[in-house]
Protein backbone atom coordinates (compact mmCIF):
# COMPACT_ATOMS: atom_id res chain seq x y z
CA MET A 1 2.27 -14.26 1.13
CA PRO A 2 -0.51 -15.82 3.08
CA GLU A 3 -3.78 -17.15 1.42
CA THR A 4 -6.29 -14.23 1.49
CA GLY A 5 -8.83 -15.03 -0.97
CA PHE A 6 -8.08 -12.06 -3.07
CA ARG A 7 -7.05 -12.48 -6.88
CA ARG A 8 -6.93 -10.72 -10.08
CA ILE A 9 -9.16 -11.25 -12.85
CA GLY A 10 -7.64 -13.23 -15.30
CA ASP A 11 -9.93 -14.06 -17.87
CA GLY A 12 -10.89 -11.04 -20.58
CA ILE A 13 -9.11 -8.46 -18.88
CA ARG A 14 -6.15 -6.39 -20.77
CA ARG A 15 -3.74 -5.01 -18.00
CA GLY A 16 -0.69 -2.93 -18.69
CA ALA A 17 2.57 -3.60 -18.64
CA GLN A 18 3.97 -6.01 -15.76
CA PHE A 19 6.55 -4.90 -13.51
CA SER A 20 7.05 -4.83 -9.57
CA ILE A 21 7.31 -2.92 -6.58
CA GLN A 22 9.29 -3.21 -3.08
CA VAL A 23 7.24 -3.68 -0.01
CA ASP A 24 9.05 -3.95 3.04
CA GLY A 25 12.06 -5.12 1.12
CA ALA A 26 9.56 -7.88 -0.89
CA PRO A 27 8.61 -7.69 -4.44
CA ILE A 28 5.21 -7.25 -4.84
CA VAL A 29 3.41 -8.25 -8.74
CA ALA A 30 2.00 -4.71 -9.90
CA PHE A 31 0.52 -3.51 -13.49
CA SER A 32 0.20 -0.33 -15.45
CA GLY A 33 -2.99 0.90 -13.64
CA GLU A 34 -3.20 -0.33 -10.37
CA THR A 35 -2.69 1.62 -7.74
CA VAL A 36 -0.06 0.74 -4.81
CA ALA A 37 -3.61 -1.08 -2.79
CA THR A 38 -4.69 -2.70 -5.18
CA ALA A 39 -1.38 -4.59 -6.21
CA LEU A 40 -0.68 -5.06 -1.95
CA LEU A 41 -4.43 -6.84 -1.95
CA ALA A 42 -3.59 -8.89 -5.03
CA GLY A 43 -0.38 -10.02 -3.46
CA GLY A 44 -1.78 -10.82 -0.03
CA ARG A 45 -1.44 -8.19 1.82
CA LEU A 46 -4.53 -6.93 3.95
CA ALA A 47 -2.69 -5.01 6.71
CA LEU A 48 -1.25 -1.48 5.33
CA ARG A 49 -0.47 0.37 8.59
CA HIS A 50 -0.38 0.24 12.66
CA THR A 51 -2.37 2.49 14.73
CA GLU A 52 -0.44 4.93 16.63
CA LYS A 53 -1.65 4.26 19.97
CA SER A 54 -3.30 0.88 19.96
CA LYS A 55 -0.80 -0.90 17.02
CA GLN A 56 -4.09 -2.38 15.37
CA PRO A 57 -3.46 -3.10 11.61
CA ARG A 58 -5.45 -1.33 9.44
CA GLY A 59 -6.02 -1.92 5.40
CA ILE A 60 -8.24 -0.88 2.82
CA PHE A 61 -11.60 0.82 4.13
CA CYS A 62 -13.15 3.02 1.34
CA GLY A 63 -11.02 3.03 -1.63
CA MET A 64 -11.06 6.25 -2.72
CA GLY A 65 -8.83 8.32 -0.86
CA ILE A 66 -11.37 9.23 2.50
CA CYS A 67 -10.46 7.63 5.58
CA PHE A 68 -7.14 7.42 5.28
CA GLU A 69 -6.84 3.67 6.49
CA CYS A 70 -4.40 2.80 3.32
CA LEU A 71 -1.80 5.19 4.82
CA MET A 72 1.88 3.93 4.14
CA THR A 73 5.52 5.68 3.26
CA VAL A 74 6.20 5.66 -0.67
CA ASN A 75 9.53 6.61 -2.09
CA GLY A 76 10.33 7.54 1.54
CA VAL A 77 6.95 10.45 1.60
CA PRO A 78 4.84 9.79 5.15
CA ASN A 79 1.02 9.79 4.81
CA VAL A 80 0.74 8.11 1.17
CA ARG A 81 -3.06 7.29 0.44
CA THR A 82 -2.43 4.33 -1.49
CA CYS A 83 -5.70 3.40 -2.46
CA ILE A 84 -5.24 6.37 -4.90
CA THR A 85 -1.12 6.62 -5.50
CA PRO A 86 -0.81 4.77 -9.17
CA ALA A 87 1.99 1.85 -8.40
CA GLU A 88 4.87 2.63 -10.73
CA PRO A 89 7.85 0.62 -11.30
CA GLY A 90 10.77 0.24 -8.34
CA MET A 91 8.61 2.27 -5.93
CA ILE A 92 9.59 1.73 -2.41
CA VAL A 93 6.50 1.23 0.19
CA THR A 94 7.15 0.63 3.62
CA THR A 95 4.50 0.13 6.28
CA GLN A 96 3.97 2.71 8.82
CA HIS A 97 3.61 2.46 12.22
CA GLY A 98 1.90 5.06 14.06
CA LEU A 99 2.42 8.72 12.72
CA PRO A 100 5.65 9.76 11.05
CA GLU A 101 8.18 11.81 12.44
CA VAL A 102 8.07 15.24 11.23
CA ALA A 103 11.03 17.60 11.44
CA GLY A 104 10.45 20.12 13.63
CA ASP A 105 7.63 18.64 15.60
CA ALA A 106 8.35 18.42 19.39
CA HIS A 107 5.77 15.25 20.12
CA HIS A 108 8.12 13.16 18.90
């Protein structure tokens, strides 16, 4: 991952168990108690999705589930707000490009 300047605090912090999640096919380290977005940010990942119209990258903005800039597909479920979703061992996370296809939606 490219250097982003973001790091987990190392000293004086008690963390939960370490595990990995798969993000676009690559393992990312996470700790029990972290959100998916936190694990991605600590792993150097800034862009979490791309907009439908302009294909621009979006990342964490509000960090509390209000803005929807952190939407990703988690375990096959699209539009998951990763800033409020706890990371769990073995999660499969993929970048969301534009709007997801919805069964019965004639616009896709």
